[in-house]
Amino acid sequence: MPLTLISHFYNEEFLLPYWLRHHVPMFDHGVLIDYASTDNSVAIIRELAPNWEVRPSHNQWFSAREVDAEVMHVEAMFAGWKIALNTTEFLLCHDLPLYVRWMEKYRTDVRGIWSWDVTLVDRLEERDDPVTQAPLHFQKRWGYFDNGGEHSRILHHEKDGQYHVGRHHSNIVSKIIDDGLFTVWLGWSPMRYITERKLQIKTKIPQTDKDARMGHQHALTADEMEHRYLDRAGKAYDLWERHPNYREMIEYLANRNGLTAHGRG
């Protein structure tokens, strides 16, 4: 069955080159929903993913329920395996097409698979460091893994994801984490570039969501964001050292692409 990646974006010209170079080789098709970007995001997609679709969103705002509804509407148009990721999320797998073919042959009962989610966090002394064009998950190794799978995503082959608000839970299958898949979330890294992105997103959150405490992580002031970053930095650790299966995945992908993973430890 084919593999389709779905995402939505607004002014993501910094992250999109990393995100597209990583995901385009993994998927048969992609659908990217544009929330009226005013930067070079669409041009970057046309250059790096010329065969993928860019669709204007039907929504004016990043309303949590409306975003999820639009994602599921798009999912229902495509057969096969699907996953919906944000531009800050990178799916890692040794060989995704082989992985799903194995599931289709040997685990026909599997309707959906939850990824092991990793949050990247800059150490205080690294927060202002520049980055290169190499994959960001090869350059950064500090962060944490929440045992509850707070930021995991589901790869599935149902009509749509049957998501709860935020798409981190689904009615398809209970959340049992599979370490054959990782979702790396650039929650707090690289801070030199992510801070501005976080601050601009809040302009697209409707007041109704803010009142309902939905998407509140996108509505922080600069001071609130700094406080939250310091809290996350305080609980971060060397992921490569503590999680050998994650380090093995990073090293395998780096070697396969003729690159070197050199994140600081």
C-alpha atoms as a PDB file:
ATOM      1  CA  MET A   1       0.000   0.000   0.000  1.00  0.00           C
ATOM      2  CA  PRO A   2       1.230   3.544  -0.714  1.00  0.00           C
ATOM      3  CA  LEU A   3       2.582   5.898   1.937  1.00  0.00           C
ATOM      4  CA  THR A   4       1.184   9.421   2.252  1.00  0.00           C
ATOM      5  CA  LEU A   5       2.420  12.237   4.487  1.00  0.00           C
ATOM      6  CA  ILE A   6       0.096  15.111   5.411  1.00  0.00           C
ATOM      7  CA  SER A   7       1.053  18.359   7.121  1.00  0.00           C
ATOM      8  CA  HIS A   8       0.016  21.978   7.474  1.00  0.00           C
ATOM      9  CA  PHE A   9       2.311  24.969   7.531  1.00  0.00           C
ATOM     10  CA  TYR A  10       2.562  28.716   7.983  1.00  0.00           C
ATOM     11  CA  ASN A  11       5.811  30.581   7.243  1.00  0.00           C
ATOM     12  CA  GLU A  12       8.185  27.641   7.731  1.00  0.00           C
ATOM     13  CA  GLU A  13      11.045  28.626   5.422  1.00  0.00           C
ATOM     14  CA  PHE A  14      13.688  27.710   8.017  1.00  0.00           C
ATOM     15  CA  LEU A  15      12.431  24.201   8.836  1.00  0.00           C
ATOM     16  CA  LEU A  16      10.946  23.126   5.498  1.00  0.00           C
ATOM     17  CA  PRO A  17      14.269  22.391   3.731  1.00  0.00           C
ATOM     18  CA  TYR A  18      15.288  20.030   6.555  1.00  0.00           C
ATOM     19  CA  TRP A  19      11.811  18.531   6.777  1.00  0.00           C
ATOM     20  CA  LEU A  20      11.389  17.939   3.052  1.00  0.00           C
ATOM     21  CA  ARG A  21      14.882  16.559   2.412  1.00  0.00           C
ATOM     22  CA  HIS A  22      14.218  14.052   5.167  1.00  0.00           C
ATOM     23  CA  HIS A  23      10.655  12.979   4.315  1.00  0.00           C
ATOM     24  CA  VAL A  24      10.352  13.135   0.521  1.00  0.00           C
ATOM     25  CA  PRO A  25      12.443   9.954  -0.001  1.00  0.00           C
ATOM     26  CA  MET A  26      10.332   8.069   2.556  1.00  0.00           C
ATOM     27  CA  PHE A  27       6.845   8.681   1.138  1.00  0.00           C
ATOM     28  CA  ASP A  28       5.076   8.074  -2.145  1.00  0.00           C
ATOM     29  CA  HIS A  29       3.114  11.288  -1.833  1.00  0.00           C
ATOM     30  CA  GLY A  30       2.661  14.348   0.352  1.00  0.00           C
ATOM     31  CA  VAL A  31      -0.101  16.878   0.856  1.00  0.00           C
ATOM     32  CA  LEU A  32       0.902  20.155   2.507  1.00  0.00           C
ATOM     33  CA  ILE A  33      -1.837  22.512   3.665  1.00  0.00           C
ATOM     34  CA  ASP A  34      -0.878  26.181   3.472  1.00  0.00           C
ATOM     35  CA  TYR A  35      -2.272  28.579   6.070  1.00  0.00           C
ATOM     36  CA  ALA A  36      -1.664  31.649   3.879  1.00  0.00           C
ATOM     37  CA  SER A  37       2.111  31.766   4.250  1.00  0.00           C
ATOM     38  CA  THR A  38       3.745  35.074   3.384  1.00  0.00           C
ATOM     39  CA  ASP A  39       7.383  33.909   3.205  1.00  0.00           C
ATOM     40  CA  ASN A  40       9.162  31.543   0.785  1.00  0.00           C
ATOM     41  CA  SER A  41       7.596  28.341   2.120  1.00  0.00           C
ATOM     42  CA  VAL A  42       5.615  27.472  -1.014  1.00  0.00           C
ATOM     43  CA  ALA A  43       8.596  28.131  -3.293  1.00  0.00           C
ATOM     44  CA  ILE A  44      10.745  25.830  -1.152  1.00  0.00           C
ATOM     45  CA  ILE A  45       8.166  23.058  -1.453  1.00  0.00           C
ATOM     46  CA  ARG A  46       7.941  23.506  -5.225  1.00  0.00           C
ATOM     47  CA  GLU A  47      11.715  23.145  -5.457  1.00  0.00           C
ATOM     48  CA  LEU A  48      12.306  20.242  -3.037  1.00  0.00           C
ATOM     49  CA  ALA A  49       9.030  18.319  -3.468  1.00  0.00           C
ATOM     50  CA  PRO A  50       7.789  19.200  -6.972  1.00  0.00           C
ATOM     51  CA  ASN A  51       5.445  16.212  -7.118  1.00  0.00           C
ATOM     52  CA  TRP A  52       3.787  16.882  -3.786  1.00  0.00           C
ATOM     53  CA  GLU A  53       0.557  18.838  -3.427  1.00  0.00           C
ATOM     54  CA  VAL A  54       0.235  22.263  -1.824  1.00  0.00           C
ATOM     55  CA  ARG A  55      -3.343  23.072  -0.905  1.00  0.00           C
ATOM     56  CA  PRO A  56      -4.668  26.309   0.582  1.00  0.00           C
ATOM     57  CA  SER A  57      -6.333  25.676   3.912  1.00  0.00           C
ATOM     58  CA  HIS A  58     -10.067  26.125   4.252  1.00  0.00           C
ATOM     59  CA  ASN A  59      -9.366  27.550   7.721  1.00  0.00           C
ATOM     60  CA  GLN A  60      -8.353  31.077   8.574  1.00  0.00           C
ATOM     61  CA  TRP A  61      -7.026  30.128  12.021  1.00  0.00           C
ATOM     62  CA  PHE A  62      -5.080  27.309  13.618  1.00  0.00           C
ATOM     63  CA  SER A  63      -8.141  26.153  15.509  1.00  0.00           C
ATOM     64  CA  ALA A  64      -7.249  22.757  16.980  1.00  0.00           C
ATOM     65  CA  ARG A  65     -10.489  21.022  16.016  1.00  0.00           C
ATOM     66  CA  GLU A  66     -10.662  22.576  12.553  1.00  0.00           C
ATOM     67  CA  VAL A  67      -7.022  21.722  11.829  1.00  0.00           C
ATOM     68  CA  ASP A  68      -7.621  18.090  12.778  1.00  0.00           C
ATOM     69  CA  ALA A  69     -10.843  17.936  10.765  1.00  0.00           C
ATOM     70  CA  GLU A  70      -9.065  19.248   7.676  1.00  0.00           C
ATOM     71  CA  VAL A  71      -6.228  16.735   8.101  1.00  0.00           C
ATOM     72  CA  MET A  72      -8.732  13.874   8.363  1.00  0.00           C
ATOM     73  CA  HIS A  73     -10.620  15.174   5.328  1.00  0.00           C
ATOM     74  CA  VAL A  74      -7.400  14.946   3.315  1.00  0.00           C
ATOM     75  CA  GLU A  75      -6.520  11.528   4.743  1.00  0.00           C
ATOM     76  CA  ALA A  76      -9.860  10.145   3.567  1.00  0.00           C
ATOM     77  CA  MET A  77      -8.875  10.935  -0.043  1.00  0.00           C
ATOM     78  CA  PHE A  78      -5.968   8.494  -0.036  1.00  0.00           C
ATOM     79  CA  ALA A  79      -5.697   4.743   0.359  1.00  0.00           C
ATOM     80  CA  GLY A  80      -2.791   3.068   2.094  1.00  0.00           C
ATOM     81  CA  TRP A  81      -0.654   4.142   5.034  1.00  0.00           C
ATOM     82  CA  LYS A  82      -0.871   7.721   6.273  1.00  0.00           C
ATOM     83  CA  ILE A  83       0.663   9.903   8.932  1.00  0.00           C
ATOM     84  CA  ALA A  84       0.077  13.558   9.817  1.00  0.00           C
ATOM     85  CA  LEU A  85       3.095  15.462  11.121  1.00  0.00           C
ATOM     86  CA  ASN A  86       3.830  19.054  12.025  1.00  0.00           C
ATOM     87  CA  THR A  87       6.823  20.757  10.413  1.00  0.00           C
ATOM     88  CA  THR A  88       8.622  20.453  13.759  1.00  0.00           C
ATOM     89  CA  GLU A  89       8.246  16.649  13.707  1.00  0.00           C
ATOM     90  CA  PHE A  90      10.576  14.237  11.926  1.00  0.00           C
ATOM     91  CA  LEU A  91       9.665  10.571  11.482  1.00  0.00           C
ATOM     92  CA  LEU A  92      12.627   8.193  11.759  1.00  0.00           C
ATOM     93  CA  CYS A  93      12.614   4.587  10.550  1.00  0.00           C
ATOM     94  CA  HIS A  94      15.304   2.271   9.223  1.00  0.00           C
ATOM     95  CA  ASP A  95      13.353   1.754   5.997  1.00  0.00           C
ATOM     96  CA  LEU A  96       9.739   2.927   6.105  1.00  0.00           C
ATOM     97  CA  PRO A  97       8.481   1.246   2.885  1.00  0.00           C
ATOM     98  CA  LEU A  98      10.033  -2.063   4.006  1.00  0.00           C
ATOM     99  CA  TYR A  99       8.604  -1.584   7.490  1.00  0.00           C
ATOM    100  CA  VAL A 100       5.018  -1.274   6.237  1.00  0.00           C
ATOM    101  CA  ARG A 101       5.446  -4.131   3.745  1.00  0.00           C
ATOM    102  CA  TRP A 102       6.537  -6.327   6.635  1.00  0.00           C
ATOM    103  CA  MET A 103       3.454  -5.252   8.589  1.00  0.00           C
ATOM    104  CA  GLU A 104       1.192  -6.031   5.643  1.00  0.00           C
ATOM    105  CA  LYS A 105       2.678  -9.500   5.244  1.00  0.00           C
ATOM    106  CA  TYR A 106       3.165 -10.631   8.836  1.00  0.00           C
ATOM    107  CA  ARG A 107       0.907  -8.390  10.972  1.00  0.00           C
ATOM    108  CA  THR A 108      -2.294  -8.042   9.021  1.00  0.00           C
ATOM    109  CA  ASP A 109      -4.118  -7.294  12.286  1.00  0.00           C
ATOM    110  CA  VAL A 110      -2.235  -4.000  12.767  1.00  0.00           C
ATOM    111  CA  ARG A 111      -4.380  -0.969  11.926  1.00  0.00           C
ATOM    112  CA  GLY A 112      -2.100   1.691  13.340  1.00  0.00           C
ATOM    113  CA  ILE A 113       1.348   2.073  14.915  1.00  0.00           C
ATOM    114  CA  TRP A 114       2.368   4.679  17.489  1.00  0.00           C
ATOM    115  CA  SER A 115       5.871   6.124  17.260  1.00  0.00           C
ATOM    116  CA  TRP A 116       8.352   6.496  20.097  1.00  0.00           C
ATOM    117  CA  ASP A 117       8.437  10.273  20.617  1.00  0.00           C
ATOM    118  CA  VAL A 118      11.618  12.178  21.402  1.00  0.00           C
ATOM    119  CA  THR A 119      11.718  15.877  22.328  1.00  0.00           C
ATOM    120  CA  LEU A 120      14.902  17.764  21.465  1.00  0.00           C
ATOM    121  CA  VAL A 121      15.984  20.512  23.868  1.00  0.00           C
ATOM    122  CA  ASP A 122      19.058  22.712  23.557  1.00  0.00           C
ATOM    123  CA  ARG A 123      21.391  22.781  26.504  1.00  0.00           C
ATOM    124  CA  LEU A 124      21.794  26.300  27.888  1.00  0.00           C
ATOM    125  CA  GLU A 125      25.323  26.605  26.550  1.00  0.00           C
ATOM    126  CA  GLU A 126      24.174  25.542  23.053  1.00  0.00           C
ATOM    127  CA  ARG A 127      21.007  27.596  22.630  1.00  0.00           C
ATOM    128  CA  ASP A 128      22.652  30.260  20.469  1.00  0.00           C
ATOM    129  CA  ASP A 129      24.753  27.873  18.371  1.00  0.00           C
ATOM    130  CA  PRO A 130      24.234  27.988  14.596  1.00  0.00           C
ATOM    131  CA  VAL A 131      23.327  24.844  12.680  1.00  0.00           C
ATOM    132  CA  THR A 132      24.515  23.429   9.380  1.00  0.00           C
ATOM    133  CA  GLN A 133      22.478  21.999   6.499  1.00  0.00           C
ATOM    134  CA  ALA A 134      22.916  18.464   7.881  1.00  0.00           C
ATOM    135  CA  PRO A 135      19.773  16.855   9.360  1.00  0.00           C
ATOM    136  CA  LEU A 136      19.028  18.536  12.664  1.00  0.00           C
ATOM    137  CA  HIS A 137      18.619  15.210  14.483  1.00  0.00           C
ATOM    138  CA  PHE A 138      22.227  14.408  13.521  1.00  0.00           C
ATOM    139  CA  GLN A 139      23.391  17.680  15.063  1.00  0.00           C
ATOM    140  CA  LYS A 140      21.354  17.621  18.289  1.00  0.00           C
ATOM    141  CA  ARG A 141      21.285  14.863  20.905  1.00  0.00           C
ATOM    142  CA  TRP A 142      19.997  16.518  24.078  1.00  0.00           C
ATOM    143  CA  GLY A 143      16.353  16.149  25.129  1.00  0.00           C
ATOM    144  CA  TYR A 144      13.993  13.711  26.786  1.00  0.00           C
ATOM    145  CA  PHE A 145      11.477  10.949  26.170  1.00  0.00           C
ATOM    146  CA  ASP A 146       8.110  11.050  27.949  1.00  0.00           C
ATOM    147  CA  ASN A 147       7.056   7.521  28.850  1.00  0.00           C
ATOM    148  CA  GLY A 148       3.437   8.443  28.203  1.00  0.00           C
ATOM    149  CA  GLY A 149       4.101   9.169  24.552  1.00  0.00           C
ATOM    150  CA  GLU A 150       2.937  12.770  24.896  1.00  0.00           C
ATOM    151  CA  HIS A 151       4.093  13.739  21.403  1.00  0.00           C
ATOM    152  CA  SER A 152       3.852  10.416  19.560  1.00  0.00           C
ATOM    153  CA  ARG A 153       2.125  10.176  16.182  1.00  0.00           C
ATOM    154  CA  ILE A 154       0.211   7.319  14.591  1.00  0.00           C
ATOM    155  CA  LEU A 155       0.991   5.707  11.238  1.00  0.00           C
ATOM    156  CA  HIS A 156      -2.201   4.014  10.073  1.00  0.00           C
ATOM    157  CA  HIS A 157      -4.119   2.650   7.083  1.00  0.00           C
ATOM    158  CA  GLU A 158      -7.662   3.482   8.129  1.00  0.00           C
ATOM    159  CA  LYS A 159      -9.871   5.944   6.242  1.00  0.00           C
ATOM    160  CA  ASP A 160      -8.728   8.690   8.613  1.00  0.00           C
ATOM    161  CA  GLY A 161      -6.940   8.985  11.937  1.00  0.00           C
ATOM    162  CA  GLN A 162     -10.040   9.204  14.172  1.00  0.00           C
ATOM    163  CA  TYR A 163      -8.035  11.706  16.206  1.00  0.00           C
ATOM    164  CA  HIS A 164      -8.682  13.266  19.547  1.00  0.00           C
ATOM    165  CA  VAL A 165      -7.895  17.003  19.628  1.00  0.00           C
ATOM    166  CA  GLY A 166      -4.203  17.517  18.864  1.00  0.00           C
ATOM    167  CA  ARG A 167      -3.812  14.155  17.030  1.00  0.00           C
ATOM    168  CA  HIS A 168      -1.703  12.608  19.811  1.00  0.00           C
ATOM    169  CA  HIS A 169      -4.485  10.100  20.563  1.00  0.00           C
ATOM    170  CA  SER A 170      -6.748   8.116  18.260  1.00  0.00           C
ATOM    171  CA  ASN A 171      -9.681   5.715  18.410  1.00  0.00           C
ATOM    172  CA  ILE A 172      -7.926   3.397  15.954  1.00  0.00           C
ATOM    173  CA  VAL A 173      -5.672   1.659  18.448  1.00  0.00           C
ATOM    174  CA  SER A 174      -4.485   2.137  22.028  1.00  0.00           C
ATOM    175  CA  LYS A 175      -1.205   3.961  22.469  1.00  0.00           C
ATOM    176  CA  ILE A 176       1.436   1.243  22.626  1.00  0.00           C
ATOM    177  CA  ILE A 177       4.780   2.700  21.588  1.00  0.00           C
ATOM    178  CA  ASP A 178       6.758   0.939  18.838  1.00  0.00           C
ATOM    179  CA  ASP A 179      10.494   1.631  18.832  1.00  0.00           C
ATOM    180  CA  GLY A 180      10.698   0.766  15.135  1.00  0.00           C
ATOM    181  CA  LEU A 181       9.440   4.307  14.578  1.00  0.00           C
ATOM    182  CA  PHE A 182      10.569   7.528  16.216  1.00  0.00           C
ATOM    183  CA  THR A 183       9.005  10.969  16.025  1.00  0.00           C
ATOM    184  CA  VAL A 184      11.593  13.605  16.832  1.00  0.00           C
ATOM    185  CA  TRP A 185       9.934  16.832  17.945  1.00  0.00           C
ATOM    186  CA  LEU A 186      11.985  20.019  17.721  1.00  0.00           C
ATOM    187  CA  GLY A 187      10.166  21.404  20.725  1.00  0.00           C
ATOM    188  CA  TRP A 188      13.042  23.441  22.109  1.00  0.00           C
ATOM    189  CA  SER A 189      15.795  23.091  19.550  1.00  0.00           C
ATOM    190  CA  PRO A 190      17.455  24.783  17.779  1.00  0.00           C
ATOM    191  CA  MET A 191      16.429  27.701  19.988  1.00  0.00           C
ATOM    192  CA  ARG A 192      18.346  30.206  17.903  1.00  0.00           C
ATOM    193  CA  TYR A 193      15.734  29.695  15.177  1.00  0.00           C
ATOM    194  CA  ILE A 194      12.720  28.143  16.910  1.00  0.00           C
ATOM    195  CA  THR A 195      11.917  31.012  19.269  1.00  0.00           C
ATOM    196  CA  GLU A 196      10.758  33.360  16.503  1.00  0.00           C
ATOM    197  CA  ARG A 197       8.670  30.582  14.987  1.00  0.00           C
ATOM    198  CA  LYS A 198       6.903  29.914  18.276  1.00  0.00           C
ATOM    199  CA  LEU A 199       6.125  33.585  18.755  1.00  0.00           C
ATOM    200  CA  GLN A 200       4.657  34.037  15.262  1.00  0.00           C
ATOM    201  CA  ILE A 201       2.350  31.010  15.470  1.00  0.00           C
ATOM    202  CA  LYS A 202       0.288  32.555  18.256  1.00  0.00           C
ATOM    203  CA  THR A 203      -0.997  35.162  15.790  1.00  0.00           C
ATOM    204  CA  LYS A 204      -2.874  32.324  14.051  1.00  0.00           C
ATOM    205  CA  ILE A 205      -4.549  30.880  17.190  1.00  0.00           C
ATOM    206  CA  PRO A 206      -8.214  31.944  17.580  1.00  0.00           C
ATOM    207  CA  GLN A 207      -9.362  33.423  20.884  1.00  0.00           C
ATOM    208  CA  THR A 208     -11.846  30.566  21.340  1.00  0.00           C
ATOM    209  CA  ASP A 209      -8.969  28.068  21.475  1.00  0.00           C
ATOM    210  CA  LYS A 210      -7.031  30.276  23.886  1.00  0.00           C
ATOM    211  CA  ASP A 211     -10.069  30.511  26.167  1.00  0.00           C
ATOM    212  CA  ALA A 212     -10.437  26.721  26.062  1.00  0.00           C
ATOM    213  CA  ARG A 213      -6.710  26.212  26.796  1.00  0.00           C
ATOM    214  CA  MET A 214      -6.246  24.475  23.447  1.00  0.00           C
ATOM    215  CA  GLY A 215      -3.019  25.270  21.673  1.00  0.00           C
ATOM    216  CA  HIS A 216      -1.890  27.200  24.741  1.00  0.00           C
ATOM    217  CA  GLN A 217       1.707  26.163  24.046  1.00  0.00           C
ATOM    218  CA  HIS A 218       1.504  28.336  20.927  1.00  0.00           C
ATOM    219  CA  ALA A 219       0.174  31.399  22.771  1.00  0.00           C
ATOM    220  CA  LEU A 220       3.061  32.032  25.155  1.00  0.00           C
ATOM    221  CA  THR A 221       4.676  35.422  25.649  1.00  0.00           C
ATOM    222  CA  ALA A 222       8.441  35.687  25.244  1.00  0.00           C
ATOM    223  CA  ASP A 223       8.888  35.575  29.038  1.00  0.00           C
ATOM    224  CA  GLU A 224       6.590  32.574  29.418  1.00  0.00           C
ATOM    225  CA  MET A 225       8.420  30.776  26.635  1.00  0.00           C
ATOM    226  CA  GLU A 226      11.766  31.412  28.298  1.00  0.00           C
ATOM    227  CA  HIS A 227      10.463  30.042  31.598  1.00  0.00           C
ATOM    228  CA  ARG A 228       9.131  26.920  29.900  1.00  0.00           C
ATOM    229  CA  TYR A 229      12.355  26.412  27.971  1.00  0.00           C
ATOM    230  CA  LEU A 230      14.411  26.612  31.176  1.00  0.00           C
ATOM    231  CA  ASP A 231      12.106  24.043  32.774  1.00  0.00           C
ATOM    232  CA  ARG A 232      12.511  21.644  29.829  1.00  0.00           C
ATOM    233  CA  ALA A 233      16.270  22.204  29.694  1.00  0.00           C
ATOM    234  CA  GLY A 234      16.426  21.260  33.361  1.00  0.00           C
ATOM    235  CA  LYS A 235      15.014  17.780  32.726  1.00  0.00           C
ATOM    236  CA  ALA A 236      16.825  17.093  29.448  1.00  0.00           C
ATOM    237  CA  TYR A 237      19.653  14.565  29.148  1.00  0.00           C
ATOM    238  CA  ASP A 238      21.910  12.900  26.577  1.00  0.00           C
ATOM    239  CA  LEU A 239      19.458  10.853  24.500  1.00  0.00           C
ATOM    240  CA  TRP A 240      22.174   8.922  22.698  1.00  0.00           C
ATOM    241  CA  GLU A 241      23.650   7.772  25.991  1.00  0.00           C
ATOM    242  CA  ARG A 242      20.425   6.804  27.752  1.00  0.00           C
ATOM    243  CA  HIS A 243      18.500   5.284  24.831  1.00  0.00           C
ATOM    244  CA  PRO A 244      20.735   2.888  22.817  1.00  0.00           C
ATOM    245  CA  ASN A 245      17.915   2.044  20.373  1.00  0.00           C
ATOM    246  CA  TYR A 246      17.544   5.726  19.497  1.00  0.00           C
ATOM    247  CA  ARG A 247      21.285   6.165  19.057  1.00  0.00           C
ATOM    248  CA  GLU A 248      21.393   3.073  16.836  1.00  0.00           C
ATOM    249  CA  MET A 249      18.643   4.560  14.669  1.00  0.00           C
ATOM    250  CA  ILE A 250      20.500   7.871  14.328  1.00  0.00           C
ATOM    251  CA  GLU A 251      23.813   6.207  13.507  1.00  0.00           C
ATOM    252  CA  TYR A 252      22.192   3.859  10.984  1.00  0.00           C
ATOM    253  CA  LEU A 253      20.468   6.716   9.146  1.00  0.00           C
ATOM    254  CA  ALA A 254      23.617   8.818   9.163  1.00  0.00           C
ATOM    255  CA  ASN A 255      25.746   5.986   7.771  1.00  0.00           C
ATOM    256  CA  ARG A 256      23.139   5.148   5.128  1.00  0.00           C
ATOM    257  CA  ASN A 257      23.249   8.737   3.911  1.00  0.00           C
ATOM    258  CA  GLY A 258      27.030   8.978   4.015  1.00  0.00           C
ATOM    259  CA  LEU A 259      26.894  11.509   6.841  1.00  0.00           C
ATOM    260  CA  THR A 260      28.165  11.734  10.391  1.00  0.00           C
ATOM    261  CA  ALA A 261      26.005  12.196  13.448  1.00  0.00           C
ATOM    262  CA  HIS A 262      27.952  14.539  15.691  1.00  0.00           C
ATOM    263  CA  GLY A 263      25.494  15.951  18.205  1.00  0.00           C
ATOM    264  CA  ARG A 264      27.145  17.189  21.344  1.00  0.00           C
ATOM    265  CA  GLY A 265      26.873  15.010  24.431  1.00  0.00           C
END
